[in-house]
Amino acid sequence: MTRGDMKTNIRYAIGLREPEEQPYIEQAIHQGIIDVLRRTSCFVQCIVADVPDDKNRIEFAAAGPSMKVLHILRGNTVLDRTIFPPLPGCFAQIGQILFFADAFAAGEQLQMYSVQRPPVMTDDTDLLEDEQWGGVPEEFQDAVELYACAKLASRSDDQTSQMGAQYWIMYVGQDGQGGRISEIKRQINRMSGMTLGPARVRVTRGGMPWSSNSNGNGQVNAVGLIGPQNNMETELMNLLRSRPDLHPQVNDIINGEAA
């Protein structure tokens, strides 16, 4: 979607059609792009950065290009984000400063996977999905519109949306943890393989543990590995017979009476 298309949508949604309102709409769109990127990390870029020798921190300029660093590749080691102070193999970010457990060697470089702060769009033909302007995927750009409408509704005295309150609820939910932002986060996590449905484990009549997160036949072995039912059941039963102290209902399990 172009900035011009989004401006048209916003103008008709909340009634800001006067020419003097256009700069405010453009500013709200830019702020919406930044907020969606910051909250969802829906577009991440790899930045190669030189680091200062014998230092264990990197300090960006205030309001610099990197808003949030998610992962860092240091040589062959992937550093994960953690809280301050960082443990070995991790990094911490406070504001515009990155902290590391170990000082940098001379000439060392880092690959930083981060969410970048985009510049302000300059023309109505600029596309929100272009990397230069933030790279917000087309399927998530409606969140930018919701943000802009929430911030601008008071300028048009939009009572139908309660001066933008309804748009804000649609954007982040009643408690700030839901809405369209939460939906985008879930979709991104599913794409990256970071989610798994809740597992329910119980003991079946055959004595084998059962999990809803199985490979289709509902069976999980004694050490928590997903797999089909086989002689592991026999081995488990033999273990229970030899060690009745392992389970308070061992006799019921052996006799097939446990639910």
C-alpha atoms as a PDB file:
ATOM      1  CA  MET A   1       0.000   0.000   0.000  1.00  0.00           C
ATOM      2  CA  THR A   2       1.245   3.491  -0.790  1.00  0.00           C
ATOM      3  CA  ARG A   3       1.248   6.322   1.694  1.00  0.00           C
ATOM      4  CA  GLY A   4      -1.301   8.100  -0.515  1.00  0.00           C
ATOM      5  CA  ASP A   5      -3.705   5.138  -0.366  1.00  0.00           C
ATOM      6  CA  MET A   6      -3.419   4.985   3.412  1.00  0.00           C
ATOM      7  CA  LYS A   7      -3.989   8.716   3.729  1.00  0.00           C
ATOM      8  CA  THR A   8      -7.203   8.352   1.718  1.00  0.00           C
ATOM      9  CA  ASN A   9      -8.399   5.503   3.959  1.00  0.00           C
ATOM     10  CA  ILE A  10      -7.700   7.518   7.106  1.00  0.00           C
ATOM     11  CA  ARG A  11      -9.305  10.712   5.755  1.00  0.00           C
ATOM     12  CA  TYR A  12     -12.583   8.958   5.053  1.00  0.00           C
ATOM     13  CA  ALA A  13     -12.482   6.854   8.236  1.00  0.00           C
ATOM     14  CA  ILE A  14     -12.331   9.833  10.604  1.00  0.00           C
ATOM     15  CA  GLY A  15     -13.288  12.773   8.367  1.00  0.00           C
ATOM     16  CA  LEU A  16      -9.991  14.664   8.105  1.00  0.00           C
ATOM     17  CA  ARG A  17     -10.411  15.967   4.553  1.00  0.00           C
ATOM     18  CA  GLU A  18      -9.016  19.499   4.904  1.00  0.00           C
ATOM     19  CA  PRO A  19      -5.664  20.123   3.165  1.00  0.00           C
ATOM     20  CA  GLU A  20      -4.121  21.522   6.345  1.00  0.00           C
ATOM     21  CA  GLU A  21      -4.667  18.160   8.062  1.00  0.00           C
ATOM     22  CA  GLN A  22      -2.494  16.211   5.616  1.00  0.00           C
ATOM     23  CA  PRO A  23       0.852  16.782   7.425  1.00  0.00           C
ATOM     24  CA  TYR A  24      -0.679  15.421  10.638  1.00  0.00           C
ATOM     25  CA  ILE A  25      -1.893  12.313   8.805  1.00  0.00           C
ATOM     26  CA  GLU A  26       1.546  11.767   7.277  1.00  0.00           C
ATOM     27  CA  GLN A  27       3.185  12.123  10.681  1.00  0.00           C
ATOM     28  CA  ALA A  28       0.745   9.651  12.270  1.00  0.00           C
ATOM     29  CA  ILE A  29       1.432   7.105   9.502  1.00  0.00           C
ATOM     30  CA  HIS A  30       5.177   7.386  10.125  1.00  0.00           C
ATOM     31  CA  GLN A  31       4.713   6.996  13.872  1.00  0.00           C
ATOM     32  CA  GLY A  32       2.408   4.033  13.248  1.00  0.00           C
ATOM     33  CA  ILE A  33       5.038   2.288  11.129  1.00  0.00           C
ATOM     34  CA  ILE A  34       7.609   2.729  13.906  1.00  0.00           C
ATOM     35  CA  ASP A  35       5.199   1.496  16.588  1.00  0.00           C
ATOM     36  CA  VAL A  36       4.147  -1.603  14.638  1.00  0.00           C
ATOM     37  CA  LEU A  37       7.779  -2.490  13.921  1.00  0.00           C
ATOM     38  CA  ARG A  38       8.797  -1.965  17.533  1.00  0.00           C
ATOM     39  CA  ARG A  39       5.938  -4.002  18.972  1.00  0.00           C
ATOM     40  CA  THR A  40       5.931  -6.910  16.506  1.00  0.00           C
ATOM     41  CA  SER A  41       9.408  -7.129  14.896  1.00  0.00           C
ATOM     42  CA  CYS A  42       7.602  -7.973  11.657  1.00  0.00           C
ATOM     43  CA  PHE A  43      10.590  -6.881   9.527  1.00  0.00           C
ATOM     44  CA  VAL A  44      14.131  -7.665  10.689  1.00  0.00           C
ATOM     45  CA  GLN A  45      17.363  -6.731   8.933  1.00  0.00           C
ATOM     46  CA  CYS A  46      20.914  -8.048   9.261  1.00  0.00           C
ATOM     47  CA  ILE A  47      23.466  -5.312   9.983  1.00  0.00           C
ATOM     48  CA  VAL A  48      27.231  -5.887   9.983  1.00  0.00           C
ATOM     49  CA  ALA A  49      28.754  -3.645  12.645  1.00  0.00           C
ATOM     50  CA  ASP A  50      32.313  -2.786  13.581  1.00  0.00           C
ATOM     51  CA  VAL A  51      32.866  -2.780  17.332  1.00  0.00           C
ATOM     52  CA  PRO A  52      35.214  -0.775  19.570  1.00  0.00           C
ATOM     53  CA  ASP A  53      38.362  -2.589  20.706  1.00  0.00           C
ATOM     54  CA  ASP A  54      38.573  -3.696  24.349  1.00  0.00           C
ATOM     55  CA  LYS A  55      35.027  -2.525  25.060  1.00  0.00           C
ATOM     56  CA  ASN A  56      32.058  -4.610  26.130  1.00  0.00           C
ATOM     57  CA  ARG A  57      29.340  -2.287  24.935  1.00  0.00           C
ATOM     58  CA  ILE A  58      28.089  -0.563  21.786  1.00  0.00           C
ATOM     59  CA  GLU A  59      26.356   2.795  22.045  1.00  0.00           C
ATOM     60  CA  PHE A  60      24.168   4.043  19.213  1.00  0.00           C
ATOM     61  CA  ALA A  61      23.221   7.655  18.688  1.00  0.00           C
ATOM     62  CA  ALA A  62      19.999   8.736  20.382  1.00  0.00           C
ATOM     63  CA  ALA A  63      17.024   7.878  18.134  1.00  0.00           C
ATOM     64  CA  GLY A  64      19.483   5.951  15.969  1.00  0.00           C
ATOM     65  CA  PRO A  65      18.654   3.458  13.243  1.00  0.00           C
ATOM     66  CA  SER A  66      18.459   0.302  15.396  1.00  0.00           C
ATOM     67  CA  MET A  67      15.359   0.322  17.592  1.00  0.00           C
ATOM     68  CA  LYS A  68      15.575  -3.255  18.871  1.00  0.00           C
ATOM     69  CA  VAL A  69      18.286  -5.892  18.431  1.00  0.00           C
ATOM     70  CA  LEU A  70      16.909  -9.437  18.568  1.00  0.00           C
ATOM     71  CA  HIS A  71      19.931 -11.676  17.947  1.00  0.00           C
ATOM     72  CA  ILE A  72      23.639 -11.184  17.381  1.00  0.00           C
ATOM     73  CA  LEU A  73      26.090 -13.474  15.586  1.00  0.00           C
ATOM     74  CA  ARG A  74      29.570 -13.056  17.077  1.00  0.00           C
ATOM     75  CA  GLY A  75      31.973 -15.213  15.099  1.00  0.00           C
ATOM     76  CA  ASN A  76      30.300 -18.638  15.144  1.00  0.00           C
ATOM     77  CA  THR A  77      28.345 -17.950  18.322  1.00  0.00           C
ATOM     78  CA  VAL A  78      24.739 -16.792  18.385  1.00  0.00           C
ATOM     79  CA  LEU A  79      24.153 -14.368  21.265  1.00  0.00           C
ATOM     80  CA  ASP A  80      20.626 -14.270  22.633  1.00  0.00           C
ATOM     81  CA  ARG A  81      18.922 -11.249  24.139  1.00  0.00           C
ATOM     82  CA  THR A  82      18.659 -11.240  27.941  1.00  0.00           C
ATOM     83  CA  ILE A  83      18.276  -8.840  30.841  1.00  0.00           C
ATOM     84  CA  PHE A  84      21.081  -6.717  32.276  1.00  0.00           C
ATOM     85  CA  PRO A  85      23.747  -7.683  33.250  1.00  0.00           C
ATOM     86  CA  PRO A  86      24.278 -10.116  30.368  1.00  0.00           C
ATOM     87  CA  LEU A  87      25.552 -13.632  30.961  1.00  0.00           C
ATOM     88  CA  PRO A  88      28.267 -15.177  28.745  1.00  0.00           C
ATOM     89  CA  GLY A  89      26.783 -15.994  25.358  1.00  0.00           C
ATOM     90  CA  CYS A  90      24.138 -13.282  25.700  1.00  0.00           C
ATOM     91  CA  PHE A  91      23.697  -9.536  25.311  1.00  0.00           C
ATOM     92  CA  ALA A  92      21.447  -6.953  26.931  1.00  0.00           C
ATOM     93  CA  GLN A  93      19.960  -3.764  25.530  1.00  0.00           C
ATOM     94  CA  ILE A  94      19.080  -0.701  27.583  1.00  0.00           C
ATOM     95  CA  GLY A  95      17.844   2.137  25.415  1.00  0.00           C
ATOM     96  CA  GLN A  96      20.389   2.692  22.658  1.00  0.00           C
ATOM     97  CA  ILE A  97      23.226   0.795  24.413  1.00  0.00           C
ATOM     98  CA  LEU A  98      24.113  -2.890  23.897  1.00  0.00           C
ATOM     99  CA  PHE A  99      26.002  -4.632  26.695  1.00  0.00           C
ATOM    100  CA  PHE A 100      28.112  -7.803  26.372  1.00  0.00           C
ATOM    101  CA  ALA A 101      29.744 -10.109  28.905  1.00  0.00           C
ATOM    102  CA  ASP A 102      33.164 -10.098  27.174  1.00  0.00           C
ATOM    103  CA  ALA A 103      35.200  -7.283  25.680  1.00  0.00           C
ATOM    104  CA  PHE A 104      35.662  -7.148  21.900  1.00  0.00           C
ATOM    105  CA  ALA A 105      38.863  -8.197  20.202  1.00  0.00           C
ATOM    106  CA  ALA A 106      40.662  -5.887  17.783  1.00  0.00           C
ATOM    107  CA  GLY A 107      39.008  -5.831  14.354  1.00  0.00           C
ATOM    108  CA  GLU A 108      36.014  -7.865  15.487  1.00  0.00           C
ATOM    109  CA  GLN A 109      32.674  -7.523  13.672  1.00  0.00           C
ATOM    110  CA  LEU A 110      29.155  -8.482  14.648  1.00  0.00           C
ATOM    111  CA  GLN A 111      26.123  -9.492  12.606  1.00  0.00           C
ATOM    112  CA  MET A 112      23.136  -7.893  14.298  1.00  0.00           C
ATOM    113  CA  TYR A 113      19.584  -8.963  13.470  1.00  0.00           C
ATOM    114  CA  SER A 114      17.591  -5.908  14.400  1.00  0.00           C
ATOM    115  CA  VAL A 115      14.478  -3.831  13.799  1.00  0.00           C
ATOM    116  CA  GLN A 116      15.539  -0.629  12.084  1.00  0.00           C
ATOM    117  CA  ARG A 117      13.985   2.814  12.483  1.00  0.00           C
ATOM    118  CA  PRO A 118      12.780   3.941   9.023  1.00  0.00           C
ATOM    119  CA  PRO A 119      13.064   7.505   7.748  1.00  0.00           C
ATOM    120  CA  VAL A 120      10.004   9.637   7.043  1.00  0.00           C
ATOM    121  CA  MET A 121       8.358   8.952   3.690  1.00  0.00           C
ATOM    122  CA  THR A 122       8.842  11.727   1.165  1.00  0.00           C
ATOM    123  CA  ASP A 123       6.133  11.016  -1.412  1.00  0.00           C
ATOM    124  CA  ASP A 124       2.592   9.635  -1.551  1.00  0.00           C
ATOM    125  CA  THR A 125       3.767   6.938  -3.998  1.00  0.00           C
ATOM    126  CA  ASP A 126       6.155   5.444  -1.401  1.00  0.00           C
ATOM    127  CA  LEU A 127       5.232   1.890  -0.428  1.00  0.00           C
ATOM    128  CA  LEU A 128       5.050   0.815   3.214  1.00  0.00           C
ATOM    129  CA  GLU A 129       6.361  -2.635   2.321  1.00  0.00           C
ATOM    130  CA  ASP A 130       9.578  -1.232   0.814  1.00  0.00           C
ATOM    131  CA  GLU A 131      12.623  -1.898   2.968  1.00  0.00           C
ATOM    132  CA  GLN A 132      13.588   1.765   2.811  1.00  0.00           C
ATOM    133  CA  TRP A 133      10.353   2.822   4.531  1.00  0.00           C
ATOM    134  CA  GLY A 134      10.223   0.130   7.195  1.00  0.00           C
ATOM    135  CA  GLY A 135       9.260  -3.002   5.264  1.00  0.00           C
ATOM    136  CA  VAL A 136       5.929  -3.594   7.033  1.00  0.00           C
ATOM    137  CA  PRO A 137       4.378  -6.564   5.149  1.00  0.00           C
ATOM    138  CA  GLU A 138       1.216  -5.764   3.238  1.00  0.00           C
ATOM    139  CA  GLU A 139      -0.895  -8.124   5.359  1.00  0.00           C
ATOM    140  CA  PHE A 140       0.023  -6.189   8.522  1.00  0.00           C
ATOM    141  CA  GLN A 141      -0.390  -2.637   7.251  1.00  0.00           C
ATOM    142  CA  ASP A 142      -3.937  -2.342   8.586  1.00  0.00           C
ATOM    143  CA  ALA A 143      -2.337  -2.050  12.039  1.00  0.00           C
ATOM    144  CA  VAL A 144      -0.618   1.158  10.921  1.00  0.00           C
ATOM    145  CA  GLU A 145      -4.022   2.547   9.886  1.00  0.00           C
ATOM    146  CA  LEU A 146      -5.512   1.650  13.287  1.00  0.00           C
ATOM    147  CA  TYR A 147      -2.678   3.426  15.063  1.00  0.00           C
ATOM    148  CA  ALA A 148      -3.053   6.549  12.924  1.00  0.00           C
ATOM    149  CA  CYS A 149      -6.844   6.653  13.354  1.00  0.00           C
ATOM    150  CA  ALA A 150      -6.483   6.257  17.128  1.00  0.00           C
ATOM    151  CA  LYS A 151      -4.054   9.174  17.315  1.00  0.00           C
ATOM    152  CA  LEU A 152      -5.926  11.459  14.899  1.00  0.00           C
ATOM    153  CA  ALA A 153      -9.557  10.874  15.885  1.00  0.00           C
ATOM    154  CA  SER A 154      -9.479  13.662  18.471  1.00  0.00           C
ATOM    155  CA  ARG A 155      -8.555  16.180  15.751  1.00  0.00           C
ATOM    156  CA  SER A 156     -11.779  15.432  13.905  1.00  0.00           C
ATOM    157  CA  ASP A 157     -13.855  15.209  17.110  1.00  0.00           C
ATOM    158  CA  ASP A 158     -14.822  11.657  16.095  1.00  0.00           C
ATOM    159  CA  GLN A 159     -17.425  10.713  18.703  1.00  0.00           C
ATOM    160  CA  THR A 160     -18.307   7.401  17.036  1.00  0.00           C
ATOM    161  CA  SER A 161     -14.886   6.024  17.974  1.00  0.00           C
ATOM    162  CA  GLN A 162     -14.952   7.784  21.373  1.00  0.00           C
ATOM    163  CA  MET A 163     -12.187  10.133  20.270  1.00  0.00           C
ATOM    164  CA  GLY A 164     -10.030   7.253  19.033  1.00  0.00           C
ATOM    165  CA  ALA A 165     -10.451   4.954  22.048  1.00  0.00           C
ATOM    166  CA  GLN A 166     -12.173   2.258  19.997  1.00  0.00           C
ATOM    167  CA  TYR A 167      -9.414   2.301  17.394  1.00  0.00           C
ATOM    168  CA  TRP A 168      -6.818   1.929  20.150  1.00  0.00           C
ATOM    169  CA  ILE A 169      -8.650  -1.074  21.614  1.00  0.00           C
ATOM    170  CA  MET A 170      -8.710  -2.644  18.154  1.00  0.00           C
ATOM    171  CA  TYR A 171      -4.986  -1.927  17.927  1.00  0.00           C
ATOM    172  CA  VAL A 172      -3.709  -3.311  21.267  1.00  0.00           C
ATOM    173  CA  GLY A 173      -6.799  -4.618  23.086  1.00  0.00           C
ATOM    174  CA  GLN A 174      -8.442  -3.546  26.324  1.00  0.00           C
ATOM    175  CA  ASP A 175      -5.405  -4.445  28.451  1.00  0.00           C
ATOM    176  CA  GLY A 176      -2.698  -3.489  25.969  1.00  0.00           C
ATOM    177  CA  GLN A 177      -1.868  -7.151  25.343  1.00  0.00           C
ATOM    178  CA  GLY A 178      -4.339  -8.064  22.599  1.00  0.00           C
ATOM    179  CA  GLY A 179      -5.907  -6.554  19.502  1.00  0.00           C
ATOM    180  CA  ARG A 180      -4.363  -6.558  16.058  1.00  0.00           C
ATOM    181  CA  ILE A 181      -0.816  -6.304  17.464  1.00  0.00           C
ATOM    182  CA  SER A 182      -1.269  -9.575  19.344  1.00  0.00           C
ATOM    183  CA  GLU A 183      -2.624 -11.272  16.206  1.00  0.00           C
ATOM    184  CA  ILE A 184       0.424 -10.139  14.212  1.00  0.00           C
ATOM    185  CA  LYS A 185       2.783 -11.432  16.899  1.00  0.00           C
ATOM    186  CA  ARG A 186       1.092 -14.840  16.845  1.00  0.00           C
ATOM    187  CA  GLN A 187       1.343 -15.061  13.060  1.00  0.00           C
ATOM    188  CA  ILE A 188       5.035 -14.106  13.135  1.00  0.00           C
ATOM    189  CA  ASN A 189       5.746 -16.662  15.872  1.00  0.00           C
ATOM    190  CA  ARG A 190       3.990 -19.381  13.878  1.00  0.00           C
ATOM    191  CA  MET A 191       6.054 -18.521  10.792  1.00  0.00           C
ATOM    192  CA  SER A 192       9.274 -18.718  12.811  1.00  0.00           C
ATOM    193  CA  GLY A 193       8.298 -21.981  14.535  1.00  0.00           C
ATOM    194  CA  MET A 194       8.326 -20.387  17.993  1.00  0.00           C
ATOM    195  CA  THR A 195       4.930 -21.703  19.100  1.00  0.00           C
ATOM    196  CA  LEU A 196       3.601 -25.087  20.085  1.00  0.00           C
ATOM    197  CA  GLY A 197       0.073 -25.864  21.141  1.00  0.00           C
ATOM    198  CA  PRO A 198      -0.546 -26.629  24.829  1.00  0.00           C
ATOM    199  CA  ALA A 199       0.147 -30.256  25.697  1.00  0.00           C
ATOM    200  CA  ARG A 200      -2.099 -32.377  27.928  1.00  0.00           C
ATOM    201  CA  VAL A 201      -0.398 -35.501  29.256  1.00  0.00           C
ATOM    202  CA  ARG A 202      -2.205 -38.338  31.003  1.00  0.00           C
ATOM    203  CA  VAL A 203      -1.718 -42.061  31.599  1.00  0.00           C
ATOM    204  CA  THR A 204      -3.871 -44.326  29.405  1.00  0.00           C
ATOM    205  CA  ARG A 205      -5.226 -47.733  30.269  1.00  0.00           C
ATOM    206  CA  GLY A 206      -2.295 -49.326  28.498  1.00  0.00           C
ATOM    207  CA  GLY A 207       0.060 -47.641  30.937  1.00  0.00           C
ATOM    208  CA  MET A 208       1.698 -45.401  28.344  1.00  0.00           C
ATOM    209  CA  PRO A 209       1.778 -41.613  28.753  1.00  0.00           C
ATOM    210  CA  TRP A 210      -0.322 -39.827  26.135  1.00  0.00           C
ATOM    211  CA  SER A 211       0.178 -36.310  24.772  1.00  0.00           C
ATOM    212  CA  SER A 212      -2.007 -34.106  22.576  1.00  0.00           C
ATOM    213  CA  ASN A 213       1.223 -32.856  20.938  1.00  0.00           C
ATOM    214  CA  SER A 214       2.042 -36.251  19.481  1.00  0.00           C
ATOM    215  CA  ASN A 215       2.810 -37.232  15.903  1.00  0.00           C
ATOM    216  CA  GLY A 216      -0.753 -38.302  15.206  1.00  0.00           C
ATOM    217  CA  ASN A 217      -1.203 -41.482  17.243  1.00  0.00           C
ATOM    218  CA  GLY A 218      -1.174 -39.795  20.633  1.00  0.00           C
ATOM    219  CA  GLN A 219       1.736 -41.707  22.108  1.00  0.00           C
ATOM    220  CA  VAL A 220       4.762 -40.326  23.929  1.00  0.00           C
ATOM    221  CA  ASN A 221       7.479 -42.456  25.500  1.00  0.00           C
ATOM    222  CA  ALA A 222       8.579 -42.446  29.118  1.00  0.00           C
ATOM    223  CA  VAL A 223      11.343 -39.887  28.687  1.00  0.00           C
ATOM    224  CA  GLY A 224       9.123 -37.381  26.874  1.00  0.00           C
ATOM    225  CA  LEU A 225      10.079 -38.232  23.283  1.00  0.00           C
ATOM    226  CA  ILE A 226       7.271 -38.386  20.753  1.00  0.00           C
ATOM    227  CA  GLY A 227       6.962 -41.760  19.062  1.00  0.00           C
ATOM    228  CA  PRO A 228       4.608 -44.601  18.158  1.00  0.00           C
ATOM    229  CA  GLN A 229       3.451 -47.163  20.695  1.00  0.00           C
ATOM    230  CA  ASN A 230       5.837 -50.142  20.630  1.00  0.00           C
ATOM    231  CA  ASN A 231       7.792 -52.252  23.086  1.00  0.00           C
ATOM    232  CA  MET A 232       8.455 -49.088  25.108  1.00  0.00           C
ATOM    233  CA  GLU A 233       5.123 -49.828  26.775  1.00  0.00           C
ATOM    234  CA  THR A 234       6.378 -53.231  27.837  1.00  0.00           C
ATOM    235  CA  GLU A 235       9.613 -51.743  29.128  1.00  0.00           C
ATOM    236  CA  LEU A 236       7.688 -49.131  31.091  1.00  0.00           C
ATOM    237  CA  MET A 237       5.441 -51.754  32.637  1.00  0.00           C
ATOM    238  CA  ASN A 238       8.456 -53.840  33.634  1.00  0.00           C
ATOM    239  CA  LEU A 239      10.026 -50.765  35.219  1.00  0.00           C
ATOM    240  CA  LEU A 240       6.864 -50.038  37.206  1.00  0.00           C
ATOM    241  CA  ARG A 241       6.689 -53.640  38.429  1.00  0.00           C
ATOM    242  CA  SER A 242      10.286 -53.541  39.600  1.00  0.00           C
ATOM    243  CA  ARG A 243      10.009 -50.090  41.204  1.00  0.00           C
ATOM    244  CA  PRO A 244       6.529 -49.608  42.701  1.00  0.00           C
ATOM    245  CA  ASP A 245       7.819 -46.537  44.532  1.00  0.00           C
ATOM    246  CA  LEU A 246       7.992 -44.623  41.230  1.00  0.00           C
ATOM    247  CA  HIS A 247       4.242 -44.050  41.107  1.00  0.00           C
ATOM    248  CA  PRO A 248       1.679 -44.004  43.935  1.00  0.00           C
ATOM    249  CA  GLN A 249      -0.879 -45.734  41.697  1.00  0.00           C
ATOM    250  CA  VAL A 250       1.487 -48.307  40.278  1.00  0.00           C
ATOM    251  CA  ASN A 251      -0.773 -51.249  41.084  1.00  0.00           C
ATOM    252  CA  ASP A 252      -3.734 -49.585  39.364  1.00  0.00           C
ATOM    253  CA  ILE A 253      -1.595 -48.832  36.328  1.00  0.00           C
ATOM    254  CA  ILE A 254      -0.287 -52.379  36.079  1.00  0.00           C
ATOM    255  CA  ASN A 255      -3.821 -53.750  36.395  1.00  0.00           C
ATOM    256  CA  GLY A 256      -5.127 -51.286  33.765  1.00  0.00           C
ATOM    257  CA  GLU A 257      -7.429 -49.500  36.195  1.00  0.00           C
ATOM    258  CA  ALA A 258      -5.922 -45.993  36.000  1.00  0.00           C
ATOM    259  CA  ALA A 259      -7.778 -43.519  33.760  1.00  0.00           C
END
